[in-house]
Protein backbone atom coordinates (compact mmCIF):
# COMPACT_ATOMS: atom_id res chain seq x y z
CA MET A 1 80.93 33.47 -45.76
CA PRO A 2 77.93 35.75 -45.15
CA ARG A 3 77.22 36.74 -41.56
CA LEU A 4 74.39 35.84 -39.18
CA PRO A 5 73.45 38.99 -37.20
CA LEU A 6 72.68 38.59 -33.49
CA ILE A 7 73.66 34.92 -33.44
CA GLU A 8 77.27 35.46 -34.50
CA ASP A 9 77.44 38.50 -32.22
CA LEU A 10 77.50 35.92 -29.43
CA THR A 11 79.72 33.20 -30.91
CA ILE A 12 83.50 33.00 -30.81
CA GLU A 13 83.75 31.85 -34.44
CA SER A 14 81.51 31.86 -37.50
CA ILE A 15 78.69 29.32 -37.67
CA GLN A 16 79.63 26.48 -40.01
CA ALA A 17 77.75 26.19 -43.30
CA GLY A 18 75.12 23.48 -43.05
CA SER A 19 74.38 24.11 -39.37
CA LEU A 20 70.80 23.63 -38.19
CA LEU A 21 69.66 26.18 -35.60
CA LEU A 22 66.39 25.89 -33.69
CA VAL A 23 64.71 29.02 -32.32
CA GLU A 24 62.17 28.62 -29.51
CA PHE A 25 60.18 31.83 -29.08
CA SER A 26 57.35 33.05 -26.92
CA GLY A 27 54.38 34.48 -28.77
CA ALA A 28 54.93 37.96 -27.31
CA SER A 29 58.62 38.07 -28.28
CA GLN A 30 60.24 39.98 -31.13
CA TRP A 31 60.99 36.84 -33.16
CA TYR A 32 59.49 37.93 -36.48
CA ASN A 33 61.43 41.20 -36.51
CA THR A 34 64.50 39.23 -35.45
CA ALA A 35 64.03 36.80 -38.37
CA LEU A 36 63.83 39.73 -40.82
CA THR A 37 66.92 41.32 -39.26
CA ILE A 38 68.87 38.08 -39.70
CA ALA A 39 67.69 37.77 -43.31
CA ALA A 40 68.62 41.36 -44.17
CA GLY A 41 72.05 41.04 -42.57
CA TRP A 42 72.81 37.82 -44.44
CA LEU A 43 71.83 39.44 -47.75
CA LYS A 44 73.91 42.55 -47.06
CA THR A 45 77.01 40.43 -46.49
CA GLY A 46 76.71 38.61 -49.81
CA GLY A 47 74.50 35.65 -49.02
CA LYS A 48 71.20 34.40 -50.43
CA ILE A 49 67.97 33.94 -48.51
CA SER A 50 65.17 31.40 -48.75
CA TYR A 51 62.54 32.87 -46.44
CA ASN A 52 59.61 30.60 -45.60
CA ALA A 53 56.67 32.84 -44.71
CA MET A 54 54.19 31.02 -42.49
CA ALA A 55 52.79 33.55 -40.03
CA GLN A 56 53.11 36.57 -42.33
CA SER A 57 52.20 37.10 -45.96
CA PRO A 58 55.03 37.43 -48.50
CA ASP A 59 54.14 41.10 -48.95
CA GLU A 60 54.54 41.68 -45.21
CA VAL A 61 57.96 40.03 -45.41
CA ARG A 62 58.94 42.31 -48.30
CA THR A 63 57.75 45.38 -46.40
CA GLY A 64 59.86 44.41 -43.40
CA LEU A 65 62.95 43.77 -45.52
CA ARG A 66 62.54 47.09 -47.35
CA ARG A 67 62.48 48.91 -44.01
CA LEU A 68 65.84 47.27 -43.33
CA GLY A 69 67.34 48.56 -46.59
CA ILE A 70 66.78 45.59 -48.90
CA ASP A 71 65.71 46.16 -52.51
CA CYS A 72 63.45 43.11 -52.65
CA GLU A 73 62.60 43.42 -56.34
CA GLU A 74 66.27 43.47 -57.33
CA ALA A 75 67.20 40.68 -54.91
CA GLU A 76 64.39 38.47 -56.21
CA LYS A 77 65.24 39.26 -59.82
CA ARG A 78 68.87 38.24 -59.23
CA ASP A 79 67.72 35.09 -57.37
CA ARG A 80 69.31 36.21 -54.12
CA LEU A 81 65.97 36.23 -52.32
CA ARG A 82 63.25 33.61 -52.51
CA ILE A 83 60.13 34.09 -50.42
CA TRP A 84 58.25 30.83 -50.06
CA ASP A 85 54.56 31.36 -49.42
CA TRP A 86 53.06 28.93 -46.92
CA TYR A 87 50.86 31.61 -45.40
CA THR A 88 48.26 31.69 -48.18
CA ALA A 89 47.67 27.94 -47.83
CA THR A 90 46.77 28.45 -44.16
CA LEU A 91 43.87 30.60 -45.41
CA GLY A 92 42.66 27.86 -47.76
CA LYS A 93 43.65 29.81 -50.85
CA LYS A 94 46.01 29.31 -53.78
CA SER A 95 49.12 31.47 -53.86
CA ASN A 96 50.11 33.76 -56.72
CA GLU A 97 53.74 33.72 -55.62
CA ARG A 98 56.49 32.15 -57.73
CA TYR A 99 57.58 30.03 -54.77
CA ALA A 100 54.75 28.50 -52.79
CA TYR A 101 53.32 25.40 -51.19
CA ASP A 102 49.60 25.13 -51.80
CA SER A 103 49.12 22.20 -49.45
CA LEU A 104 50.12 21.90 -45.81
CA LYS A 105 49.48 18.16 -45.67
CA VAL A 106 52.53 16.12 -44.80
CA ALA A 107 52.09 13.63 -47.64
CA ASP A 108 51.98 16.38 -50.29
CA ILE A 109 54.97 18.23 -48.86
CA SER A 110 57.01 15.03 -48.61
CA VAL A 111 56.47 14.07 -52.26
CA ARG A 112 57.40 17.53 -53.50
CA MET A 113 60.54 17.69 -51.40
CA LEU A 114 61.69 14.26 -52.58
CA LYS A 115 61.31 15.38 -56.22
CA ASP A 116 62.87 18.82 -55.87
CA ASP A 117 64.63 19.97 -52.70
CA MET A 118 66.56 16.78 -51.96
CA ARG A 119 68.05 16.67 -55.46
CA GLN A 120 69.74 20.08 -55.32
CA PRO A 121 73.55 20.55 -55.32
CA PRO A 122 75.42 22.01 -52.31
CA GLN A 123 74.34 25.61 -51.64
CA PRO A 124 76.36 26.97 -48.70
CA GLU A 125 75.61 30.57 -49.70
CA TRP A 126 71.90 30.06 -48.93
CA LEU A 127 70.39 30.71 -45.50
CA ARG A 128 67.00 29.08 -45.06
CA ILE A 129 64.69 30.72 -42.53
CA ILE A 130 61.49 28.93 -41.57
CA GLU A 131 59.73 31.49 -39.42
CA ASN A 132 57.22 29.27 -37.58
CA THR A 133 57.22 25.52 -38.08
CA SER A 134 54.46 25.24 -35.47
CA THR A 135 52.13 26.05 -38.36
CA TRP A 136 52.46 22.49 -39.70
CA TYR A 137 51.12 21.06 -36.46
CA ARG A 138 47.82 22.88 -36.93
CA PHE A 139 47.09 20.75 -40.00
CA ASN A 140 48.76 17.40 -39.22
CA GLU A 141 49.36 14.89 -36.45
CA GLU A 142 52.56 15.43 -34.48
CA LYS A 143 54.14 12.08 -35.39
CA ALA A 144 53.56 12.68 -39.11
CA VAL A 145 55.17 16.11 -38.95
CA MET A 146 58.13 14.75 -37.04
CA GLU A 147 58.70 12.09 -39.70
CA LEU A 148 58.65 14.85 -42.31
CA GLU A 149 61.19 16.80 -40.31
CA LEU A 150 63.56 13.89 -39.76
CA THR A 151 63.35 12.31 -43.23
CA ARG A 152 62.86 15.33 -45.51
CA PHE A 153 63.49 18.81 -44.12
CA LEU A 154 66.55 18.32 -41.93
CA PRO A 155 68.34 15.94 -44.33
CA SER A 156 67.63 18.31 -47.25
CA PHE A 157 69.45 21.13 -45.45
CA ARG A 158 72.37 18.85 -44.65
CA LEU A 159 72.58 17.54 -48.22
CA ARG A 160 72.67 21.09 -49.62
CA ASN A 161 75.11 22.28 -46.94
CA SER A 162 72.74 25.19 -46.27
CA THR A 163 72.46 26.84 -42.88
CA ALA A 164 68.91 26.80 -41.53
CA VAL A 165 67.28 28.91 -38.84
CA ARG A 166 63.98 27.26 -37.93
CA ALA A 167 61.53 28.44 -35.29
CA ILE A 168 58.83 26.91 -33.09
CA MET A 169 56.51 28.69 -30.69
CA LYS A 170 57.01 27.77 -27.05
CA ASP A 171 54.40 25.69 -25.22
CA VAL A 172 52.51 24.77 -28.38
CA GLN A 173 53.97 21.37 -29.27
CA SER A 174 54.26 18.44 -26.89
CA ASN A 175 57.45 17.82 -24.95
CA TRP A 176 58.07 14.78 -27.18
CA VAL A 177 58.18 17.03 -30.27
CA VAL A 178 60.40 19.63 -28.62
CA GLN A 179 62.89 17.02 -27.41
CA GLN A 180 63.07 15.42 -30.87
CA LEU A 181 63.70 18.78 -32.51
CA GLU A 182 66.28 19.90 -29.97
CA GLY A 183 68.19 16.66 -30.45
CA ALA A 184 68.24 17.07 -34.23
CA HIS A 185 69.68 20.61 -34.31
CA ASP A 186 73.19 21.95 -33.79
CA GLY A 187 72.16 24.97 -31.76
CA ILE A 188 69.19 26.25 -29.77
CA ILE A 189 68.26 29.92 -29.44
CA ASP A 190 65.62 31.39 -27.11
CA LEU A 191 63.58 34.58 -27.41
CA LYS A 192 61.16 35.83 -24.77
CA LEU A 193 59.46 38.91 -23.38
CA ASP A 194 60.49 39.36 -19.74
CA ASP A 195 57.60 41.19 -18.10
CA ALA A 196 59.09 41.03 -14.60
CA SER A 197 60.51 44.51 -15.18
CA ASP A 198 58.74 47.74 -16.08
CA PRO A 199 58.84 48.25 -18.98
CA ALA A 200 59.01 44.64 -20.16
CA GLN A 201 62.30 43.63 -21.80
CA ASN A 202 62.80 41.61 -24.98
CA MET A 203 65.47 38.98 -24.32
CA PHE A 204 67.68 36.77 -26.50
CA ARG A 205 70.17 34.01 -25.74
CA ILE A 206 72.02 31.10 -27.26
CA ARG A 207 71.10 28.18 -25.02
CA THR A 208 73.51 25.73 -26.61
CA MET A 209 75.74 25.35 -29.66
CA ARG A 210 77.52 22.13 -30.53
CA ASN A 211 80.28 23.19 -32.89
CA VAL A 212 81.34 26.67 -31.78
CA GLY A 213 81.98 28.52 -28.53
CA PHE A 214 79.34 31.02 -27.46
CA ASP A 215 78.12 33.47 -24.84
CA GLY A 216 75.13 31.75 -23.25
CA ARG A 217 73.85 34.66 -21.15
CA TRP A 218 70.52 36.41 -21.69
CA HIS A 219 70.88 39.71 -23.58
CA ARG A 220 68.38 42.54 -23.94
CA LEU A 221 67.25 43.39 -27.44
CA LYS A 222 66.94 46.89 -28.83
CA ILE A 223 64.27 47.55 -31.47
CA GLY A 224 65.10 50.37 -33.89
CA GLU A 225 62.70 52.76 -35.60
CA ASN A 226 62.87 50.57 -38.71
CA PHE A 227 62.28 47.51 -36.49
CA GLU A 228 65.88 46.32 -36.82
CA VAL A 229 66.78 44.15 -33.85
CA THR A 230 70.17 44.57 -32.18
CA LEU A 231 71.75 43.48 -28.92
CA GLU A 232 71.99 46.09 -26.18
CA ARG A 233 75.58 46.52 -25.05
């Protein structure tokens, strides 16, 4: 199986295909560079990536992946990399990308997923990264989004046996939303900027993991010149 950088650096065994991992990140953290690092590492070890761009444009995602040594054009041509554009819809525009959602309304997303995503065969080689699901809550009521999560998104990952790394921004959603999401995932990962020290330190930990042993301590992150994120040893 392909490898999950950072996360599997802290687990005793490999993460099982089909696992659902929830990332809770502070706005000042290095989450977006971390997401790109995870995507690049998965691709380099033979996997396929479905990257859902919500806070960055698809071109920004490609630029970040190129810095990490990924030939995006070749990977997309060979269908090893799919960049789903949600970002353009947040601007009220129509995307020119091959893979895109032009509506952020729950009803529209639900219908499309029922027709397409939930009818796909098992795809354990695919890692699905959703970089900031908090975006949906800007355009919909919390209860409606949670129904979409529980009846469409999470079951679709399970049905396809695809590992998913999905992120929410801390202190944006209500506690009810956070508790529902935490209960529906197999593992929870935290990222934060610890400004108690000088200079401030970027921190990463696995808070919990249901199906594999793990190191649950906070670890400092090192950011390379190409913005690759690694654990400090």
